[in-house]
N, C-alpha and C. Protein backbone atom coordinates (compact mmCIF):
# COMPACT_ATOMS: atom_id res chain seq x y z
N UNK A 1 -80.96 217.22 30.48
CA UNK A 1 -79.75 217.87 30.94
C UNK A 1 -78.63 217.58 29.95
N UNK A 2 -77.86 218.58 29.66
CA UNK A 2 -76.78 218.40 28.70
C UNK A 2 -75.62 217.62 29.32
N UNK A 3 -74.93 216.81 28.51
CA UNK A 3 -73.79 216.06 29.03
C UNK A 3 -72.60 216.99 29.26
N UNK A 4 -71.64 216.56 30.07
CA UNK A 4 -70.43 217.37 30.27
C UNK A 4 -69.74 217.63 28.93
N UNK A 5 -69.11 218.80 28.82
CA UNK A 5 -68.38 219.16 27.61
C UNK A 5 -66.94 218.71 27.74
N UNK A 6 -66.43 218.15 26.67
CA UNK A 6 -65.05 217.65 26.66
C UNK A 6 -64.06 218.71 26.19
N UNK A 7 -64.55 219.76 25.53
CA UNK A 7 -63.67 220.72 24.88
C UNK A 7 -63.65 222.09 25.56
N UNK A 8 -63.81 222.13 26.87
CA UNK A 8 -63.77 223.40 27.58
C UNK A 8 -62.36 223.96 27.60
N UNK A 9 -62.22 225.27 27.44
CA UNK A 9 -60.88 225.88 27.54
C UNK A 9 -60.39 225.83 28.98
N UNK A 10 -59.10 226.00 29.20
CA UNK A 10 -58.58 226.03 30.57
C UNK A 10 -59.27 227.15 31.37
N UNK A 11 -59.52 226.91 32.65
CA UNK A 11 -60.17 227.95 33.47
C UNK A 11 -59.31 229.20 33.58
N UNK A 12 -59.98 230.34 33.59
CA UNK A 12 -59.30 231.63 33.81
C UNK A 12 -59.66 232.11 35.21
N UNK A 13 -58.86 233.03 35.72
CA UNK A 13 -59.16 233.61 37.03
C UNK A 13 -59.23 235.13 36.95
N UNK A 14 -59.74 235.64 35.81
CA UNK A 14 -59.88 237.08 35.66
C UNK A 14 -60.77 237.63 36.78
N UNK A 15 -60.37 238.74 37.39
CA UNK A 15 -61.15 239.28 38.49
C UNK A 15 -62.37 240.08 38.01
N UNK A 16 -63.50 239.87 38.66
CA UNK A 16 -64.73 240.62 38.42
C UNK A 16 -65.27 241.09 39.77
N UNK A 17 -65.78 242.30 39.79
CA UNK A 17 -66.56 242.71 40.96
C UNK A 17 -68.01 242.35 40.66
N UNK A 18 -68.84 242.32 41.68
CA UNK A 18 -70.26 242.05 41.46
C UNK A 18 -70.87 243.10 40.55
N UNK A 19 -70.40 244.36 40.67
CA UNK A 19 -70.89 245.43 39.80
C UNK A 19 -70.49 245.22 38.35
N UNK A 20 -69.27 244.80 38.11
CA UNK A 20 -68.81 244.54 36.74
C UNK A 20 -69.56 243.35 36.13
N UNK A 21 -69.85 242.37 36.93
CA UNK A 21 -70.55 241.18 36.47
C UNK A 21 -71.93 241.52 35.89
N UNK A 22 -72.57 242.54 36.43
CA UNK A 22 -73.92 242.94 35.97
C UNK A 22 -73.96 243.30 34.48
N UNK A 23 -72.85 243.75 33.93
CA UNK A 23 -72.80 244.10 32.49
C UNK A 23 -73.06 242.88 31.60
N UNK A 24 -72.83 241.69 32.13
CA UNK A 24 -72.90 240.47 31.35
C UNK A 24 -74.21 239.71 31.60
N UNK A 25 -75.31 240.47 31.59
CA UNK A 25 -76.62 239.90 31.90
C UNK A 25 -77.43 239.54 30.66
N UNK A 26 -76.84 239.69 29.49
CA UNK A 26 -77.52 239.31 28.26
C UNK A 26 -78.30 240.42 27.59
N UNK A 27 -78.36 241.59 28.20
CA UNK A 27 -79.12 242.69 27.58
C UNK A 27 -78.36 243.34 26.43
N UNK A 28 -77.04 243.18 26.40
CA UNK A 28 -76.21 243.70 25.31
C UNK A 28 -75.73 242.50 24.49
N UNK A 29 -76.27 242.36 23.29
CA UNK A 29 -75.93 241.21 22.44
C UNK A 29 -74.45 241.13 22.06
N UNK A 30 -73.73 242.23 22.21
CA UNK A 30 -72.30 242.22 21.85
C UNK A 30 -71.43 241.66 22.98
N UNK A 31 -72.02 241.43 24.15
CA UNK A 31 -71.28 240.90 25.29
C UNK A 31 -71.71 239.47 25.60
N UNK A 32 -70.81 238.68 26.17
CA UNK A 32 -71.19 237.33 26.59
C UNK A 32 -72.14 237.39 27.79
N UNK A 33 -72.75 236.26 28.11
CA UNK A 33 -73.58 236.15 29.31
C UNK A 33 -72.80 235.34 30.34
N UNK A 34 -72.67 235.91 31.53
CA UNK A 34 -71.95 235.25 32.61
C UNK A 34 -72.88 234.98 33.79
N UNK A 35 -72.65 233.86 34.43
CA UNK A 35 -73.34 233.49 35.66
C UNK A 35 -72.26 233.08 36.65
N UNK A 36 -72.39 233.53 37.88
CA UNK A 36 -71.41 233.16 38.90
C UNK A 36 -72.08 232.32 39.98
N UNK A 37 -71.36 231.29 40.39
CA UNK A 37 -71.79 230.43 41.50
C UNK A 37 -70.60 230.29 42.43
N UNK A 38 -70.80 230.64 43.69
CA UNK A 38 -69.73 230.55 44.69
C UNK A 38 -68.49 231.33 44.24
N UNK A 39 -68.71 232.45 43.55
CA UNK A 39 -67.60 233.29 43.14
C UNK A 39 -66.90 232.86 41.87
N UNK A 40 -67.27 231.74 41.30
CA UNK A 40 -66.70 231.27 40.03
C UNK A 40 -67.59 231.77 38.91
N UNK A 41 -66.99 232.48 37.95
CA UNK A 41 -67.75 233.08 36.85
C UNK A 41 -67.70 232.15 35.63
N UNK A 42 -68.89 231.77 35.16
CA UNK A 42 -69.03 230.86 34.03
C UNK A 42 -69.59 231.61 32.82
N UNK A 43 -69.10 231.28 31.63
CA UNK A 43 -69.62 231.83 30.39
C UNK A 43 -70.74 230.91 29.89
N UNK A 44 -71.98 231.39 29.96
CA UNK A 44 -73.14 230.60 29.55
C UNK A 44 -73.73 231.11 28.23
N UNK A 45 -72.96 231.88 27.50
CA UNK A 45 -73.44 232.51 26.27
C UNK A 45 -74.02 231.52 25.28
N UNK A 46 -73.45 230.36 25.17
CA UNK A 46 -73.96 229.37 24.20
C UNK A 46 -75.38 228.93 24.52
N UNK A 47 -75.85 229.24 25.70
CA UNK A 47 -77.22 228.94 26.11
C UNK A 47 -78.01 230.24 26.30
N UNK A 48 -77.78 231.19 25.39
CA UNK A 48 -78.45 232.50 25.46
C UNK A 48 -79.96 232.35 25.54
N UNK A 49 -80.51 231.33 24.87
CA UNK A 49 -81.96 231.11 24.89
C UNK A 49 -82.46 230.75 26.29
N UNK A 50 -81.59 230.23 27.14
CA UNK A 50 -81.97 229.82 28.50
C UNK A 50 -81.66 230.92 29.53
N UNK A 51 -80.51 231.60 29.36
CA UNK A 51 -80.06 232.58 30.34
C UNK A 51 -80.31 234.03 29.94
N UNK A 52 -80.63 234.27 28.67
CA UNK A 52 -80.79 235.64 28.21
C UNK A 52 -82.20 236.17 28.27
N UNK A 53 -82.30 237.50 28.28
CA UNK A 53 -83.61 238.11 28.23
C UNK A 53 -84.15 238.05 26.81
N UNK A 54 -85.38 238.23 26.56
CA UNK A 54 -86.39 238.54 27.58
C UNK A 54 -87.05 237.31 28.17
N UNK A 55 -86.88 236.15 27.55
CA UNK A 55 -87.69 235.01 27.98
C UNK A 55 -86.91 233.80 28.46
N UNK A 56 -85.60 233.92 28.65
CA UNK A 56 -84.83 232.79 29.14
C UNK A 56 -85.31 232.36 30.51
N UNK A 57 -85.57 231.09 30.67
CA UNK A 57 -86.14 230.61 31.94
C UNK A 57 -85.20 230.81 33.12
N UNK A 58 -83.89 230.93 32.87
CA UNK A 58 -82.92 231.15 33.94
C UNK A 58 -82.27 232.53 33.87
N UNK A 59 -82.94 233.47 33.24
CA UNK A 59 -82.38 234.82 33.07
C UNK A 59 -82.12 235.52 34.40
N UNK A 60 -82.81 235.10 35.46
CA UNK A 60 -82.63 235.71 36.78
C UNK A 60 -81.18 235.55 37.28
N UNK A 61 -80.46 234.55 36.77
CA UNK A 61 -79.08 234.30 37.20
C UNK A 61 -78.05 235.10 36.40
N UNK A 62 -78.41 235.58 35.23
CA UNK A 62 -77.46 236.22 34.32
C UNK A 62 -76.92 237.52 34.91
N UNK A 63 -75.60 237.66 34.83
CA UNK A 63 -74.94 238.87 35.31
C UNK A 63 -74.86 238.98 36.82
N UNK A 64 -75.02 237.85 37.50
CA UNK A 64 -75.03 237.87 38.97
C UNK A 64 -74.27 236.66 39.52
N UNK A 65 -73.91 236.79 40.79
CA UNK A 65 -73.57 235.60 41.55
C UNK A 65 -74.84 235.27 42.31
N UNK A 66 -75.48 234.21 41.89
CA UNK A 66 -76.79 233.84 42.44
C UNK A 66 -76.68 232.57 43.29
N UNK A 67 -75.60 232.44 44.02
CA UNK A 67 -75.34 231.23 44.80
C UNK A 67 -76.51 230.85 45.70
N UNK A 68 -77.05 231.82 46.39
CA UNK A 68 -78.15 231.52 47.32
C UNK A 68 -79.34 230.91 46.58
N UNK A 69 -79.70 231.48 45.44
CA UNK A 69 -80.83 230.97 44.65
C UNK A 69 -80.55 229.56 44.14
N UNK A 70 -79.32 229.31 43.69
CA UNK A 70 -78.99 227.95 43.23
C UNK A 70 -79.15 226.95 44.37
N UNK A 71 -78.68 227.29 45.55
CA UNK A 71 -78.80 226.39 46.69
C UNK A 71 -80.25 226.14 47.08
N UNK A 72 -81.07 227.16 46.94
CA UNK A 72 -82.49 227.06 47.30
C UNK A 72 -83.34 226.50 46.16
N UNK A 73 -82.75 226.30 45.00
CA UNK A 73 -83.50 225.91 43.79
C UNK A 73 -84.61 226.91 43.52
N UNK A 74 -84.25 228.19 43.60
CA UNK A 74 -85.22 229.28 43.46
C UNK A 74 -84.96 230.08 42.19
N UNK A 75 -86.03 230.48 41.55
CA UNK A 75 -85.94 231.37 40.38
C UNK A 75 -86.42 232.78 40.74
N UNK A 76 -86.54 233.08 42.00
CA UNK A 76 -86.97 234.41 42.44
C UNK A 76 -85.79 235.37 42.43
N UNK A 77 -86.01 236.56 41.88
CA UNK A 77 -84.95 237.56 41.79
C UNK A 77 -84.37 237.90 43.16
N UNK A 78 -85.21 237.97 44.17
CA UNK A 78 -84.73 238.34 45.51
C UNK A 78 -83.82 237.28 46.12
N UNK A 79 -83.85 236.06 45.60
CA UNK A 79 -82.97 235.00 46.10
C UNK A 79 -81.64 234.94 45.35
N UNK A 80 -81.54 235.64 44.23
CA UNK A 80 -80.32 235.63 43.41
C UNK A 80 -79.28 236.53 44.07
N UNK A 81 -78.67 236.01 45.11
CA UNK A 81 -77.77 236.76 45.98
C UNK A 81 -76.49 235.96 46.18
N UNK A 82 -75.34 236.64 46.30
CA UNK A 82 -74.09 235.90 46.45
C UNK A 82 -73.84 235.33 47.84
N UNK A 83 -74.62 235.73 48.84
CA UNK A 83 -74.39 235.28 50.21
C UNK A 83 -75.16 234.00 50.47
N UNK A 84 -74.45 232.89 50.50
CA UNK A 84 -75.09 231.60 50.74
C UNK A 84 -74.87 231.12 52.18
N UNK A 85 -74.39 232.00 53.05
CA UNK A 85 -74.02 231.59 54.41
C UNK A 85 -75.20 231.12 55.26
N UNK A 86 -76.42 231.47 54.89
CA UNK A 86 -77.58 231.07 55.69
C UNK A 86 -78.25 229.80 55.17
N UNK A 87 -77.70 229.19 54.13
CA UNK A 87 -78.31 227.98 53.59
C UNK A 87 -78.19 226.82 54.56
N UNK A 88 -79.19 225.97 54.54
CA UNK A 88 -79.20 224.75 55.36
C UNK A 88 -78.32 223.69 54.68
N UNK A 89 -78.00 222.63 55.40
CA UNK A 89 -77.09 221.60 54.89
C UNK A 89 -77.56 221.02 53.54
N UNK A 90 -78.83 220.73 53.42
CA UNK A 90 -79.37 220.18 52.17
C UNK A 90 -79.20 221.19 51.02
N UNK A 91 -79.43 222.47 51.33
CA UNK A 91 -79.28 223.51 50.31
C UNK A 91 -77.82 223.70 49.92
N UNK A 92 -76.91 223.55 50.88
CA UNK A 92 -75.48 223.63 50.57
C UNK A 92 -75.06 222.51 49.63
N UNK A 93 -75.63 221.34 49.84
CA UNK A 93 -75.35 220.21 48.94
C UNK A 93 -75.87 220.51 47.54
N UNK A 94 -77.06 221.08 47.46
CA UNK A 94 -77.63 221.46 46.16
C UNK A 94 -76.76 222.50 45.48
N UNK A 95 -76.30 223.49 46.24
CA UNK A 95 -75.41 224.52 45.69
C UNK A 95 -74.15 223.88 45.13
N UNK A 96 -73.55 222.97 45.86
CA UNK A 96 -72.32 222.30 45.40
C UNK A 96 -72.58 221.49 44.13
N UNK A 97 -73.75 220.86 44.06
CA UNK A 97 -74.10 220.09 42.86
C UNK A 97 -74.23 221.00 41.64
N UNK A 98 -74.85 222.17 41.83
CA UNK A 98 -74.96 223.12 40.71
C UNK A 98 -73.59 223.62 40.28
N UNK A 99 -72.71 223.93 41.24
CA UNK A 99 -71.37 224.41 40.91
C UNK A 99 -70.64 223.34 40.09
N UNK A 100 -70.73 222.09 40.52
CA UNK A 100 -70.08 220.99 39.79
C UNK A 100 -70.67 220.82 38.39
N UNK A 101 -71.99 220.94 38.29
CA UNK A 101 -72.66 220.84 37.01
C UNK A 101 -72.14 221.90 36.04
N UNK A 102 -72.08 223.16 36.49
CA UNK A 102 -71.59 224.25 35.65
C UNK A 102 -70.13 224.06 35.29
N UNK A 103 -69.32 223.63 36.24
CA UNK A 103 -67.87 223.48 36.00
C UNK A 103 -67.60 222.46 34.90
N UNK A 104 -68.47 221.48 34.76
CA UNK A 104 -68.30 220.45 33.73
C UNK A 104 -68.87 220.85 32.37
N UNK A 105 -69.64 221.93 32.32
CA UNK A 105 -70.35 222.27 31.09
C UNK A 105 -70.06 223.66 30.52
N UNK A 106 -69.53 224.55 31.34
CA UNK A 106 -69.31 225.93 30.90
C UNK A 106 -67.89 226.38 31.23
N UNK A 107 -67.35 227.21 30.37
CA UNK A 107 -66.00 227.73 30.58
C UNK A 107 -65.97 228.64 31.80
N UNK A 108 -64.94 228.47 32.62
CA UNK A 108 -64.71 229.36 33.75
C UNK A 108 -63.90 230.54 33.23
N UNK A 109 -64.46 231.75 33.36
CA UNK A 109 -63.81 232.94 32.82
C UNK A 109 -63.26 233.86 33.89
N UNK A 110 -63.54 233.55 35.14
CA UNK A 110 -63.01 234.41 36.19
C UNK A 110 -63.57 234.08 37.55
N UNK A 111 -63.35 235.05 38.45
CA UNK A 111 -63.81 234.90 39.83
C UNK A 111 -64.27 236.25 40.34
N UNK A 112 -65.21 236.22 41.24
CA UNK A 112 -65.72 237.45 41.86
C UNK A 112 -64.81 237.78 43.03
N UNK A 113 -64.31 239.01 43.04
CA UNK A 113 -63.32 239.39 44.06
C UNK A 113 -63.93 240.14 45.24
N UNK A 114 -65.22 240.48 45.17
CA UNK A 114 -65.83 241.20 46.28
C UNK A 114 -67.06 240.47 46.83
N UNK A 115 -66.89 239.17 46.99
CA UNK A 115 -67.97 238.36 47.58
C UNK A 115 -68.22 238.82 49.02
N UNK A 116 -69.42 238.59 49.54
CA UNK A 116 -69.69 238.96 50.93
C UNK A 116 -68.69 238.30 51.87
N UNK A 117 -68.32 239.02 52.91
CA UNK A 117 -67.32 238.52 53.85
C UNK A 117 -67.71 237.17 54.45
N UNK A 118 -68.99 236.94 54.64
CA UNK A 118 -69.47 235.70 55.26
C UNK A 118 -69.15 234.45 54.45
N UNK A 119 -68.88 234.60 53.16
CA UNK A 119 -68.59 233.43 52.31
C UNK A 119 -67.23 233.52 51.63
N UNK A 120 -66.55 234.63 51.79
CA UNK A 120 -65.30 234.88 51.07
C UNK A 120 -64.26 233.78 51.27
N UNK A 121 -64.19 233.22 52.45
CA UNK A 121 -63.16 232.20 52.70
C UNK A 121 -63.45 230.88 52.00
N UNK A 122 -64.67 230.72 51.46
CA UNK A 122 -65.04 229.49 50.76
C UNK A 122 -64.90 229.61 49.25
N UNK A 123 -64.54 230.79 48.78
CA UNK A 123 -64.39 231.04 47.34
C UNK A 123 -62.98 230.64 46.92
N UNK A 124 -62.88 229.95 45.78
CA UNK A 124 -61.57 229.57 45.28
C UNK A 124 -61.38 230.07 43.86
N UNK A 125 -60.23 230.62 43.51
CA UNK A 125 -59.15 230.94 44.41
C UNK A 125 -59.52 232.14 45.29
N UNK A 126 -58.96 232.21 46.49
CA UNK A 126 -59.31 233.32 47.37
C UNK A 126 -58.84 234.64 46.79
N UNK A 127 -59.59 235.70 47.10
CA UNK A 127 -59.20 237.04 46.66
C UNK A 127 -57.90 237.42 47.37
N UNK A 128 -57.15 238.32 46.76
CA UNK A 128 -55.90 238.76 47.36
C UNK A 128 -56.14 239.27 48.76
N UNK A 129 -55.27 238.89 49.67
CA UNK A 129 -55.38 239.36 51.04
C UNK A 129 -56.32 238.52 51.89
N UNK A 130 -56.96 237.51 51.31
CA UNK A 130 -57.86 236.64 52.07
C UNK A 130 -57.17 235.31 52.25
N UNK A 131 -57.03 234.89 53.48
CA UNK A 131 -56.37 233.61 53.76
C UNK A 131 -57.24 232.46 53.32
N UNK A 132 -56.63 231.41 52.79
CA UNK A 132 -57.40 230.23 52.41
C UNK A 132 -57.25 229.12 53.45
N UNK A 133 -56.83 229.47 54.64
CA UNK A 133 -56.71 228.48 55.73
C UNK A 133 -58.06 228.18 56.33
């Protein structure tokens, strides 16, 4: 596992929809590769060999918010879904650990603004019009 990076740029909060995020799946070499966890969009381009097609072992996460899959420790495409509301307590802990791992190692470039309603209140920063209470 790679150590935390000391030279990460300040986090950005650029808005992305889940549809827009799909463009950043590594299939276009001129674009960065983004992975989202809990609505936080991370730039994982420096690990193109891991997240990019055709053979990256974690390519299933590229261009998606795959929170559910991270919580389940799953590499199945059908689990790469932004709705983590059905995860069990142990899986929620795993999801939080992955989010913390990414936050220490990859630049935050934005946030997903159209997360499923069931998890929207847990996304930070909250989308406009969504209370963070």
